[in-house]
Amino acid sequence: MQENSKESSDGQLLERVHMGDSGALGLLYIRYSPRVYDLALHFSGNEKEAEDITQNVFFRLWERRELLTEICSLKAYLFRMTKNEILTLFRHRKVERSYARQQTEQETQYAPDSSVKVTTSELVEMIDLAIERMPELRKRIFMMSRYDEKTYAEIAKELDISPRTVQYHIGKALNELRKLMDVMVLFV
């Protein structure tokens, strides 16, 4: 008996939606969105997609409100709409996978020849980038040593630090550059 009054209530709400009552749609949403969501989540396995499907089902219900008087069973109608949205999602995923596969094939097809060597200018650019990323003091000490050709003692005096500090930073800088070269060897 409870089910009959509920079906009647669904029928009344459908009639109100048919007449353009968005509040009635809200009541149907509250009543049936958890079921639509659960079904969508079961098949999609993704909460965001299940939420989107749920929203789409009720949006389409509103869009088709002129046809609602022809619905015999709201539950069956919502089930069919949810199933159709899930199938649309799966078709969309299939298209996305196909597109991604084509993109990967094209990237592979147009990828530069791996036998091309790293040029000297590219190597210098990578070294300059590595130097640029060093801590400020280390970078300054390294540049004074390598580019200005200053001795450790001259650098220490100019920066007012000990020669051992200069030696430490030069050692660290060279170590960082050696690591870069080890990685770069993979591309040569």
N, C-alpha and C. Protein backbone atom coordinates (compact mmCIF):
# COMPACT_ATOMS: atom_id res chain seq x y z
N MET A 1 0.82 -1.19 0.00
CA MET A 1 0.00 0.00 0.00
C MET A 1 0.87 1.25 0.00
N GLN A 2 1.94 1.21 0.77
CA GLN A 2 2.88 2.32 0.83
C GLN A 2 3.44 2.62 -0.56
N GLU A 3 3.73 1.58 -1.33
CA GLU A 3 4.30 1.74 -2.65
C GLU A 3 3.33 2.46 -3.59
N ASN A 4 2.03 2.15 -3.50
CA ASN A 4 1.04 2.80 -4.35
C ASN A 4 0.97 4.30 -4.11
N SER A 5 1.01 4.71 -2.85
CA SER A 5 0.94 6.13 -2.56
C SER A 5 2.21 6.83 -3.02
N LYS A 6 3.31 6.10 -2.98
CA LYS A 6 4.56 6.68 -3.44
C LYS A 6 4.52 6.83 -4.96
N GLU A 7 4.00 5.81 -5.68
CA GLU A 7 3.88 5.91 -7.13
C GLU A 7 2.96 7.08 -7.48
N SER A 8 1.88 7.21 -6.74
CA SER A 8 0.95 8.31 -6.96
C SER A 8 1.68 9.63 -6.72
N SER A 9 2.47 9.68 -5.69
CA SER A 9 3.23 10.88 -5.38
C SER A 9 4.22 11.19 -6.51
N ASP A 10 4.88 10.14 -7.04
CA ASP A 10 5.77 10.33 -8.19
C ASP A 10 4.98 10.88 -9.37
N GLY A 11 3.79 10.32 -9.58
CA GLY A 11 2.95 10.78 -10.68
C GLY A 11 2.56 12.25 -10.52
N GLN A 12 2.24 12.61 -9.29
CA GLN A 12 1.88 14.01 -9.04
C GLN A 12 3.08 14.92 -9.26
N LEU A 13 4.24 14.48 -8.80
CA LEU A 13 5.44 15.29 -9.00
C LEU A 13 5.79 15.41 -10.49
N LEU A 14 5.63 14.30 -11.23
CA LEU A 14 5.88 14.34 -12.67
C LEU A 14 4.93 15.32 -13.35
N GLU A 15 3.70 15.32 -12.92
CA GLU A 15 2.71 16.24 -13.50
C GLU A 15 3.13 17.69 -13.21
N ARG A 16 3.60 17.94 -12.00
CA ARG A 16 4.04 19.30 -11.65
C ARG A 16 5.28 19.71 -12.45
N VAL A 17 6.20 18.75 -12.64
CA VAL A 17 7.39 19.02 -13.45
C VAL A 17 6.95 19.32 -14.87
N HIS A 18 6.01 18.52 -15.37
CA HIS A 18 5.47 18.71 -16.72
C HIS A 18 4.94 20.14 -16.89
N MET A 19 4.37 20.67 -15.84
CA MET A 19 3.80 22.02 -15.88
C MET A 19 4.87 23.11 -15.66
N GLY A 20 6.15 22.68 -15.45
CA GLY A 20 7.24 23.65 -15.29
C GLY A 20 7.61 23.96 -13.87
N ASP A 21 7.19 23.13 -12.91
CA ASP A 21 7.48 23.35 -11.50
C ASP A 21 8.87 22.77 -11.17
N SER A 22 9.87 23.64 -11.07
CA SER A 22 11.24 23.17 -10.79
C SER A 22 11.37 22.64 -9.36
N GLY A 23 10.52 23.11 -8.45
CA GLY A 23 10.53 22.59 -7.08
C GLY A 23 10.18 21.11 -7.05
N ALA A 24 9.25 20.70 -7.91
CA ALA A 24 8.88 19.28 -8.00
C ALA A 24 10.06 18.46 -8.52
N LEU A 25 10.80 19.05 -9.46
CA LEU A 25 12.00 18.36 -9.96
C LEU A 25 13.00 18.18 -8.81
N GLY A 26 13.11 19.20 -7.98
CA GLY A 26 14.00 19.12 -6.82
C GLY A 26 13.60 17.99 -5.88
N LEU A 27 12.31 17.83 -5.68
CA LEU A 27 11.84 16.73 -4.82
C LEU A 27 12.16 15.37 -5.43
N LEU A 28 11.98 15.25 -6.75
CA LEU A 28 12.32 13.99 -7.42
C LEU A 28 13.83 13.75 -7.33
N TYR A 29 14.60 14.81 -7.45
CA TYR A 29 16.06 14.70 -7.34
C TYR A 29 16.44 14.17 -5.96
N ILE A 30 15.86 14.75 -4.94
CA ILE A 30 16.16 14.31 -3.57
C ILE A 30 15.79 12.84 -3.39
N ARG A 31 14.68 12.46 -3.97
CA ARG A 31 14.18 11.10 -3.81
C ARG A 31 15.01 10.09 -4.60
N TYR A 32 15.40 10.41 -5.83
CA TYR A 32 15.98 9.39 -6.71
C TYR A 32 17.47 9.59 -7.06
N SER A 33 18.03 10.74 -6.77
CA SER A 33 19.44 10.94 -7.14
C SER A 33 20.39 9.95 -6.47
N PRO A 34 20.16 9.54 -5.22
CA PRO A 34 21.08 8.54 -4.64
C PRO A 34 21.10 7.23 -5.43
N ARG A 35 19.93 6.80 -5.93
CA ARG A 35 19.87 5.55 -6.71
C ARG A 35 20.59 5.72 -8.05
N VAL A 36 20.34 6.86 -8.70
CA VAL A 36 20.99 7.13 -9.99
C VAL A 36 22.50 7.19 -9.77
N TYR A 37 22.93 7.90 -8.75
CA TYR A 37 24.35 8.04 -8.44
C TYR A 37 24.99 6.69 -8.18
N ASP A 38 24.36 5.86 -7.35
CA ASP A 38 24.91 4.55 -7.02
C ASP A 38 25.08 3.68 -8.26
N LEU A 39 24.09 3.70 -9.13
CA LEU A 39 24.17 2.92 -10.36
C LEU A 39 25.31 3.45 -11.25
N ALA A 40 25.38 4.76 -11.39
CA ALA A 40 26.43 5.38 -12.21
C ALA A 40 27.81 5.09 -11.63
N LEU A 41 27.93 5.18 -10.31
CA LEU A 41 29.22 4.91 -9.66
C LEU A 41 29.63 3.46 -9.84
N HIS A 42 28.68 2.57 -9.75
CA HIS A 42 28.97 1.14 -9.91
C HIS A 42 29.60 0.88 -11.28
N PHE A 43 29.07 1.49 -12.32
CA PHE A 43 29.58 1.23 -13.67
C PHE A 43 30.77 2.10 -14.04
N SER A 44 30.79 3.34 -13.59
CA SER A 44 31.89 4.23 -13.99
C SER A 44 33.11 4.04 -13.10
N GLY A 45 32.87 3.73 -11.82
CA GLY A 45 33.99 3.58 -10.89
C GLY A 45 34.63 4.90 -10.53
N ASN A 46 33.97 6.02 -10.86
CA ASN A 46 34.56 7.33 -10.65
C ASN A 46 33.48 8.25 -10.06
N GLU A 47 33.75 8.80 -8.89
CA GLU A 47 32.75 9.62 -8.20
C GLU A 47 32.37 10.85 -9.01
N LYS A 48 33.35 11.52 -9.60
CA LYS A 48 33.06 12.73 -10.39
C LYS A 48 32.18 12.39 -11.59
N GLU A 49 32.50 11.31 -12.28
CA GLU A 49 31.69 10.91 -13.43
C GLU A 49 30.29 10.51 -12.98
N ALA A 50 30.17 9.85 -11.83
CA ALA A 50 28.86 9.46 -11.32
C ALA A 50 28.03 10.70 -10.99
N GLU A 51 28.69 11.72 -10.42
CA GLU A 51 27.98 12.97 -10.13
C GLU A 51 27.52 13.63 -11.43
N ASP A 52 28.39 13.63 -12.43
CA ASP A 52 28.02 14.23 -13.73
C ASP A 52 26.84 13.50 -14.36
N ILE A 53 26.88 12.18 -14.31
CA ILE A 53 25.79 11.39 -14.87
C ILE A 53 24.48 11.71 -14.15
N THR A 54 24.54 11.78 -12.84
CA THR A 54 23.35 12.07 -12.04
C THR A 54 22.78 13.44 -12.43
N GLN A 55 23.65 14.43 -12.52
CA GLN A 55 23.19 15.76 -12.93
C GLN A 55 22.58 15.74 -14.33
N ASN A 56 23.24 15.01 -15.25
CA ASN A 56 22.73 14.94 -16.62
C ASN A 56 21.36 14.29 -16.70
N VAL A 57 21.16 13.23 -15.91
CA VAL A 57 19.87 12.53 -15.93
C VAL A 57 18.74 13.48 -15.52
N PHE A 58 18.95 14.22 -14.45
CA PHE A 58 17.89 15.11 -13.99
C PHE A 58 17.77 16.36 -14.86
N PHE A 59 18.87 16.78 -15.45
CA PHE A 59 18.79 17.89 -16.40
C PHE A 59 17.97 17.48 -17.62
N ARG A 60 18.22 16.26 -18.11
CA ARG A 60 17.47 15.76 -19.27
C ARG A 60 15.99 15.54 -18.91
N LEU A 61 15.75 15.12 -17.69
CA LEU A 61 14.36 14.96 -17.24
C LEU A 61 13.64 16.32 -17.35
N TRP A 62 14.31 17.38 -16.93
CA TRP A 62 13.74 18.71 -17.01
C TRP A 62 13.57 19.14 -18.47
N GLU A 63 14.58 18.86 -19.29
CA GLU A 63 14.49 19.23 -20.71
C GLU A 63 13.32 18.55 -21.41
N ARG A 64 13.02 17.34 -21.00
CA ARG A 64 11.95 16.55 -21.65
C ARG A 64 10.65 16.58 -20.87
N ARG A 65 10.46 17.60 -20.09
CA ARG A 65 9.29 17.65 -19.21
C ARG A 65 7.97 17.60 -19.96
N GLU A 66 7.96 18.02 -21.23
CA GLU A 66 6.70 17.96 -22.00
C GLU A 66 6.26 16.51 -22.24
N LEU A 67 7.22 15.58 -22.22
CA LEU A 67 6.92 14.17 -22.50
C LEU A 67 6.62 13.37 -21.24
N LEU A 68 6.72 13.98 -20.08
CA LEU A 68 6.62 13.25 -18.82
C LEU A 68 5.26 12.61 -18.59
N THR A 69 4.24 13.10 -19.22
CA THR A 69 2.91 12.51 -19.01
C THR A 69 2.81 11.12 -19.62
N GLU A 70 3.76 10.78 -20.51
CA GLU A 70 3.75 9.46 -21.15
C GLU A 70 4.50 8.41 -20.34
N ILE A 71 5.12 8.80 -19.22
CA ILE A 71 5.91 7.87 -18.40
C ILE A 71 4.98 7.04 -17.52
N CYS A 72 5.15 5.70 -17.63
CA CYS A 72 4.36 4.80 -16.78
C CYS A 72 5.05 4.57 -15.45
N SER A 73 6.37 4.38 -15.49
CA SER A 73 7.13 4.10 -14.28
C SER A 73 8.35 5.02 -14.24
N LEU A 74 8.37 5.92 -13.27
CA LEU A 74 9.49 6.85 -13.15
C LEU A 74 10.79 6.09 -12.88
N LYS A 75 10.72 5.08 -12.04
CA LYS A 75 11.94 4.31 -11.72
C LYS A 75 12.52 3.69 -12.98
N ALA A 76 11.68 3.08 -13.80
CA ALA A 76 12.16 2.46 -15.04
C ALA A 76 12.71 3.52 -15.98
N TYR A 77 12.05 4.66 -16.05
CA TYR A 77 12.48 5.75 -16.93
C TYR A 77 13.85 6.28 -16.49
N LEU A 78 14.01 6.50 -15.18
CA LEU A 78 15.29 6.97 -14.66
C LEU A 78 16.39 5.93 -14.86
N PHE A 79 16.02 4.65 -14.71
CA PHE A 79 17.00 3.59 -14.95
C PHE A 79 17.49 3.64 -16.40
N ARG A 80 16.56 3.75 -17.35
CA ARG A 80 16.92 3.81 -18.77
C ARG A 80 17.78 5.03 -19.06
N MET A 81 17.40 6.16 -18.49
CA MET A 81 18.17 7.39 -18.72
C MET A 81 19.59 7.24 -18.15
N THR A 82 19.69 6.65 -16.97
CA THR A 82 21.01 6.45 -16.35
C THR A 82 21.83 5.50 -17.19
N LYS A 83 21.22 4.40 -17.64
CA LYS A 83 21.91 3.44 -18.50
C LYS A 83 22.42 4.13 -19.76
N ASN A 84 21.60 4.96 -20.37
CA ASN A 84 22.00 5.67 -21.58
C ASN A 84 23.17 6.62 -21.32
N GLU A 85 23.14 7.30 -20.18
CA GLU A 85 24.25 8.20 -19.83
C GLU A 85 25.54 7.42 -19.60
N ILE A 86 25.43 6.25 -18.98
CA ILE A 86 26.61 5.40 -18.75
C ILE A 86 27.17 4.94 -20.09
N LEU A 87 26.29 4.52 -20.99
CA LEU A 87 26.75 4.09 -22.32
C LEU A 87 27.41 5.25 -23.06
N THR A 88 26.86 6.44 -22.93
CA THR A 88 27.48 7.63 -23.53
C THR A 88 28.87 7.86 -22.95
N LEU A 89 28.99 7.70 -21.63
CA LEU A 89 30.30 7.84 -20.98
C LEU A 89 31.29 6.83 -21.54
N PHE A 90 30.86 5.57 -21.67
CA PHE A 90 31.77 4.54 -22.18
C PHE A 90 32.16 4.82 -23.62
N ARG A 91 31.24 5.29 -24.43
CA ARG A 91 31.58 5.66 -25.82
C ARG A 91 32.58 6.81 -25.82
N HIS A 92 32.36 7.76 -24.93
CA HIS A 92 33.28 8.91 -24.83
C HIS A 92 34.68 8.44 -24.41
N ARG A 93 34.73 7.55 -23.44
CA ARG A 93 36.04 7.02 -23.00
C ARG A 93 36.74 6.30 -24.15
N LYS A 94 35.95 5.56 -24.93
CA LYS A 94 36.53 4.83 -26.07
C LYS A 94 37.12 5.80 -27.08
N VAL A 95 36.40 6.88 -27.36
CA VAL A 95 36.90 7.90 -28.29
C VAL A 95 38.17 8.53 -27.73
N GLU A 96 38.18 8.83 -26.43
CA GLU A 96 39.37 9.43 -25.81
C GLU A 96 40.57 8.49 -25.92
N ARG A 97 40.36 7.20 -25.65
CA ARG A 97 41.47 6.23 -25.74
C ARG A 97 41.98 6.13 -27.18
N SER A 98 41.06 6.12 -28.12
CA SER A 98 41.44 6.05 -29.53
C SER A 98 42.24 7.28 -29.92
N TYR A 99 41.78 8.44 -29.48
CA TYR A 99 42.49 9.68 -29.79
C TYR A 99 43.88 9.67 -29.15
N ALA A 100 43.96 9.26 -27.90
CA ALA A 100 45.26 9.22 -27.21
C ALA A 100 46.21 8.26 -27.92
N ARG A 101 45.68 7.13 -28.36
CA ARG A 101 46.50 6.15 -29.08
C ARG A 101 47.01 6.76 -30.39
N GLN A 102 46.15 7.46 -31.10
CA GLN A 102 46.57 8.11 -32.35
C GLN A 102 47.62 9.17 -32.09
N GLN A 103 47.43 9.95 -31.03
CA GLN A 103 48.42 10.98 -30.69
C GLN A 103 49.77 10.36 -30.38
N THR A 104 49.76 9.27 -29.63
CA THR A 104 51.01 8.59 -29.29
C THR A 104 51.69 8.08 -30.54
N GLU A 105 50.90 7.50 -31.45
CA GLU A 105 51.48 6.99 -32.70
C GLU A 105 52.07 8.12 -33.52
N GLN A 106 51.37 9.26 -33.58
CA GLN A 106 51.88 10.40 -34.33
C GLN A 106 53.15 10.96 -33.70
N GLU A 107 53.16 11.05 -32.37
CA GLU A 107 54.36 11.56 -31.69
C GLU A 107 55.54 10.64 -31.95
N THR A 108 55.29 9.34 -31.95
CA THR A 108 56.36 8.38 -32.22
C THR A 108 56.82 8.52 -33.66
N GLN A 109 55.88 8.71 -34.56
CA GLN A 109 56.20 8.83 -35.97
C GLN A 109 57.03 10.08 -36.25
N TYR A 110 56.70 11.19 -35.58
CA TYR A 110 57.39 12.44 -35.84
C TYR A 110 58.46 12.78 -34.80
N ALA A 111 58.77 11.84 -33.94
CA ALA A 111 59.79 12.08 -32.93
C ALA A 111 61.14 12.26 -33.60
N PRO A 112 61.97 13.12 -33.06
CA PRO A 112 63.29 13.31 -33.66
C PRO A 112 64.09 12.02 -33.61
N ASP A 113 64.96 11.88 -34.56
CA ASP A 113 65.80 10.69 -34.66
C ASP A 113 66.67 10.58 -33.42
N SER A 114 66.61 9.46 -32.74
CA SER A 114 67.35 9.29 -31.50
C SER A 114 68.85 9.18 -31.74
N SER A 115 69.26 9.02 -32.99
CA SER A 115 70.69 8.94 -33.26
C SER A 115 71.33 10.32 -33.33
N VAL A 116 70.50 11.39 -33.32
CA VAL A 116 71.03 12.74 -33.33
C VAL A 116 71.72 13.00 -32.00
N LYS A 117 72.94 13.48 -32.07
CA LYS A 117 73.72 13.71 -30.86
C LYS A 117 73.36 15.05 -30.21
N VAL A 118 73.66 15.15 -28.95
CA VAL A 118 73.50 16.41 -28.25
C VAL A 118 74.61 17.33 -28.74
N THR A 119 74.22 18.53 -29.13
CA THR A 119 75.22 19.47 -29.65
C THR A 119 75.98 20.14 -28.51
N THR A 120 77.11 20.73 -28.86
CA THR A 120 77.92 21.43 -27.88
C THR A 120 77.14 22.59 -27.28
N SER A 121 76.39 23.31 -28.13
CA SER A 121 75.62 24.45 -27.61
C SER A 121 74.55 23.98 -26.62
N GLU A 122 73.94 22.82 -26.89
CA GLU A 122 72.94 22.27 -25.95
C GLU A 122 73.60 21.89 -24.63
N LEU A 123 74.80 21.33 -24.73
CA LEU A 123 75.55 20.95 -23.53
C LEU A 123 75.89 22.18 -22.70
N VAL A 124 76.37 23.23 -23.36
CA VAL A 124 76.70 24.47 -22.67
C VAL A 124 75.46 25.07 -22.03
N GLU A 125 74.35 25.01 -22.75
CA GLU A 125 73.09 25.54 -22.22
C GLU A 125 72.68 24.79 -20.95
N MET A 126 72.83 23.48 -20.95
CA MET A 126 72.49 22.69 -19.76
C MET A 126 73.42 23.00 -18.59
N ILE A 127 74.70 23.20 -18.89
CA ILE A 127 75.66 23.55 -17.84
C ILE A 127 75.30 24.92 -17.26
N ASP A 128 75.02 25.88 -18.14
CA ASP A 128 74.64 27.21 -17.66
C ASP A 128 73.39 27.15 -16.79
N LEU A 129 72.44 26.32 -17.18
CA LEU A 129 71.21 26.17 -16.39
C LEU A 129 71.53 25.57 -15.02
N ALA A 130 72.41 24.56 -15.00
CA ALA A 130 72.79 23.95 -13.73
C ALA A 130 73.50 24.95 -12.83
N ILE A 131 74.35 25.78 -13.41
CA ILE A 131 75.06 26.81 -12.62
C ILE A 131 74.06 27.82 -12.10
N GLU A 132 73.12 28.22 -12.93
CA GLU A 132 72.11 29.20 -12.55
C GLU A 132 71.27 28.71 -11.36
N ARG A 133 71.08 27.41 -11.27
CA ARG A 133 70.24 26.84 -10.20
C ARG A 133 71.00 26.62 -8.90
N MET A 134 72.31 26.85 -8.91
CA MET A 134 73.11 26.67 -7.69
C MET A 134 72.77 27.76 -6.68
N PRO A 135 73.02 27.48 -5.39
CA PRO A 135 72.85 28.54 -4.38
C PRO A 135 73.73 29.74 -4.77
N GLU A 136 73.29 30.92 -4.41
CA GLU A 136 73.93 32.17 -4.87
C GLU A 136 75.43 32.22 -4.57
N LEU A 137 75.85 31.90 -3.36
CA LEU A 137 77.27 31.96 -3.02
C LEU A 137 78.07 30.95 -3.83
N ARG A 138 77.57 29.74 -3.96
CA ARG A 138 78.26 28.71 -4.73
C ARG A 138 78.38 29.13 -6.20
N LYS A 139 77.32 29.66 -6.74
CA LYS A 139 77.34 30.10 -8.13
C LYS A 139 78.39 31.20 -8.31
N ARG A 140 78.40 32.16 -7.42
CA ARG A 140 79.36 33.28 -7.51
C ARG A 140 80.80 32.78 -7.41
N ILE A 141 81.06 31.90 -6.45
CA ILE A 141 82.41 31.35 -6.28
C ILE A 141 82.82 30.57 -7.53
N PHE A 142 81.93 29.74 -8.04
CA PHE A 142 82.26 28.93 -9.21
C PHE A 142 82.56 29.82 -10.42
N MET A 143 81.74 30.83 -10.64
CA MET A 143 81.95 31.72 -11.79
C MET A 143 83.25 32.51 -11.65
N MET A 144 83.56 32.95 -10.43
CA MET A 144 84.83 33.67 -10.22
C MET A 144 86.01 32.75 -10.51
N SER A 145 85.89 31.50 -10.13
CA SER A 145 86.97 30.54 -10.35
C SER A 145 87.11 30.17 -11.81
N ARG A 146 86.01 29.81 -12.46
CA ARG A 146 86.07 29.26 -13.81
C ARG A 146 86.04 30.32 -14.91
N TYR A 147 85.24 31.37 -14.71
CA TYR A 147 85.11 32.36 -15.77
C TYR A 147 86.06 33.55 -15.58
N ASP A 148 86.26 33.95 -14.33
CA ASP A 148 87.17 35.08 -14.07
C ASP A 148 88.60 34.59 -13.81
N GLU A 149 88.76 33.27 -13.71
CA GLU A 149 90.05 32.60 -13.50
C GLU A 149 90.79 33.11 -12.27
N LYS A 150 90.05 33.29 -11.18
CA LYS A 150 90.64 33.74 -9.93
C LYS A 150 91.04 32.52 -9.10
N THR A 151 92.06 32.69 -8.29
CA THR A 151 92.51 31.61 -7.41
C THR A 151 91.57 31.53 -6.21
N TYR A 152 91.69 30.43 -5.47
CA TYR A 152 90.86 30.28 -4.27
C TYR A 152 91.16 31.41 -3.29
N ALA A 153 92.44 31.77 -3.15
CA ALA A 153 92.84 32.82 -2.21
C ALA A 153 92.24 34.17 -2.63
N GLU A 154 92.25 34.48 -3.94
CA GLU A 154 91.69 35.74 -4.41
C GLU A 154 90.17 35.79 -4.16
N ILE A 155 89.53 34.68 -4.41
CA ILE A 155 88.07 34.61 -4.19
C ILE A 155 87.76 34.78 -2.71
N ALA A 156 88.54 34.07 -1.86
CA ALA A 156 88.33 34.14 -0.41
C ALA A 156 88.50 35.57 0.09
N LYS A 157 89.54 36.23 -0.39
CA LYS A 157 89.80 37.61 0.05
C LYS A 157 88.68 38.54 -0.42
N GLU A 158 88.28 38.41 -1.69
CA GLU A 158 87.25 39.29 -2.25
C GLU A 158 85.91 39.11 -1.56
N LEU A 159 85.56 37.86 -1.20
CA LEU A 159 84.25 37.57 -0.58
C LEU A 159 84.32 37.56 0.94
N ASP A 160 85.53 37.75 1.47
CA ASP A 160 85.74 37.75 2.92
C ASP A 160 85.27 36.43 3.55
N ILE A 161 85.74 35.33 2.95
CA ILE A 161 85.49 33.98 3.47
C ILE A 161 86.80 33.21 3.47
N SER A 162 86.82 32.06 4.09
CA SER A 162 88.06 31.28 4.15
C SER A 162 88.30 30.53 2.83
N PRO A 163 89.58 30.25 2.50
CA PRO A 163 89.87 29.47 1.30
C PRO A 163 89.22 28.08 1.34
N ARG A 164 89.05 27.52 2.55
CA ARG A 164 88.41 26.20 2.67
C ARG A 164 86.93 26.28 2.26
N THR A 165 86.29 27.38 2.56
CA THR A 165 84.90 27.57 2.14
C THR A 165 84.82 27.66 0.61
N VAL A 166 85.79 28.35 0.03
CA VAL A 166 85.84 28.43 -1.43
C VAL A 166 86.04 27.03 -2.00
N GLN A 167 86.97 26.29 -1.44
CA GLN A 167 87.25 24.92 -1.91
C GLN A 167 86.00 24.03 -1.76
N TYR A 168 85.30 24.17 -0.66
CA TYR A 168 84.08 23.39 -0.42
C TYR A 168 83.04 23.67 -1.52
N HIS A 169 82.79 24.95 -1.80
CA HIS A 169 81.77 25.31 -2.79
C HIS A 169 82.18 24.91 -4.20
N ILE A 170 83.45 25.03 -4.53
CA ILE A 170 83.91 24.60 -5.85
C ILE A 170 83.71 23.09 -5.98
N GLY A 171 84.05 22.35 -4.93
CA GLY A 171 83.86 20.89 -4.94
C GLY A 171 82.40 20.52 -5.12
N LYS A 172 81.51 21.20 -4.41
CA LYS A 172 80.07 20.94 -4.53
C LYS A 172 79.58 21.27 -5.95
N ALA A 173 80.03 22.39 -6.48
CA ALA A 173 79.61 22.80 -7.83
C ALA A 173 80.07 21.77 -8.86
N LEU A 174 81.33 21.36 -8.76
CA LEU A 174 81.84 20.37 -9.72
C LEU A 174 81.10 19.04 -9.59
N ASN A 175 80.75 18.69 -8.37
CA ASN A 175 79.99 17.45 -8.14
C ASN A 175 78.61 17.53 -8.82
N GLU A 176 77.94 18.67 -8.69
CA GLU A 176 76.64 18.85 -9.34
C GLU A 176 76.78 18.75 -10.85
N LEU A 177 77.83 19.35 -11.40
CA LEU A 177 78.05 19.31 -12.84
C LEU A 177 78.41 17.90 -13.31
N ARG A 178 79.16 17.15 -12.50
CA ARG A 178 79.46 15.75 -12.85
C ARG A 178 78.18 14.93 -12.93
N LYS A 179 77.28 15.15 -11.98
CA LYS A 179 75.99 14.44 -12.00
C LYS A 179 75.22 14.78 -13.27
N LEU A 180 75.25 16.05 -13.64
CA LEU A 180 74.58 16.47 -14.88
C LEU A 180 75.21 15.76 -16.08
N MET A 181 76.53 15.70 -16.10
CA MET A 181 77.21 15.03 -17.23
C MET A 181 76.87 13.54 -17.27
N ASP A 182 76.77 12.92 -16.12
CA ASP A 182 76.40 11.49 -16.10
C ASP A 182 75.03 11.28 -16.72
N VAL A 183 74.12 12.19 -16.45
CA VAL A 183 72.78 12.10 -17.03
C VAL A 183 72.82 12.42 -18.51
N MET A 184 73.60 13.43 -18.87
CA MET A 184 73.69 13.85 -20.28
C MET A 184 74.30 12.75 -21.15
N VAL A 185 75.17 11.93 -20.57
CA VAL A 185 75.80 10.84 -21.33
C VAL A 185 74.73 9.92 -21.94
N LEU A 186 73.60 9.79 -21.28
CA LEU A 186 72.54 8.95 -21.78
C LEU A 186 71.99 9.46 -23.10
N PHE A 187 72.18 10.76 -23.38
CA PHE A 187 71.65 11.36 -24.59
C PHE A 187 72.70 11.52 -25.69
N VAL A 188 73.94 11.27 -25.36
CA VAL A 188 75.00 11.45 -26.34
C VAL A 188 75.18 10.21 -27.17
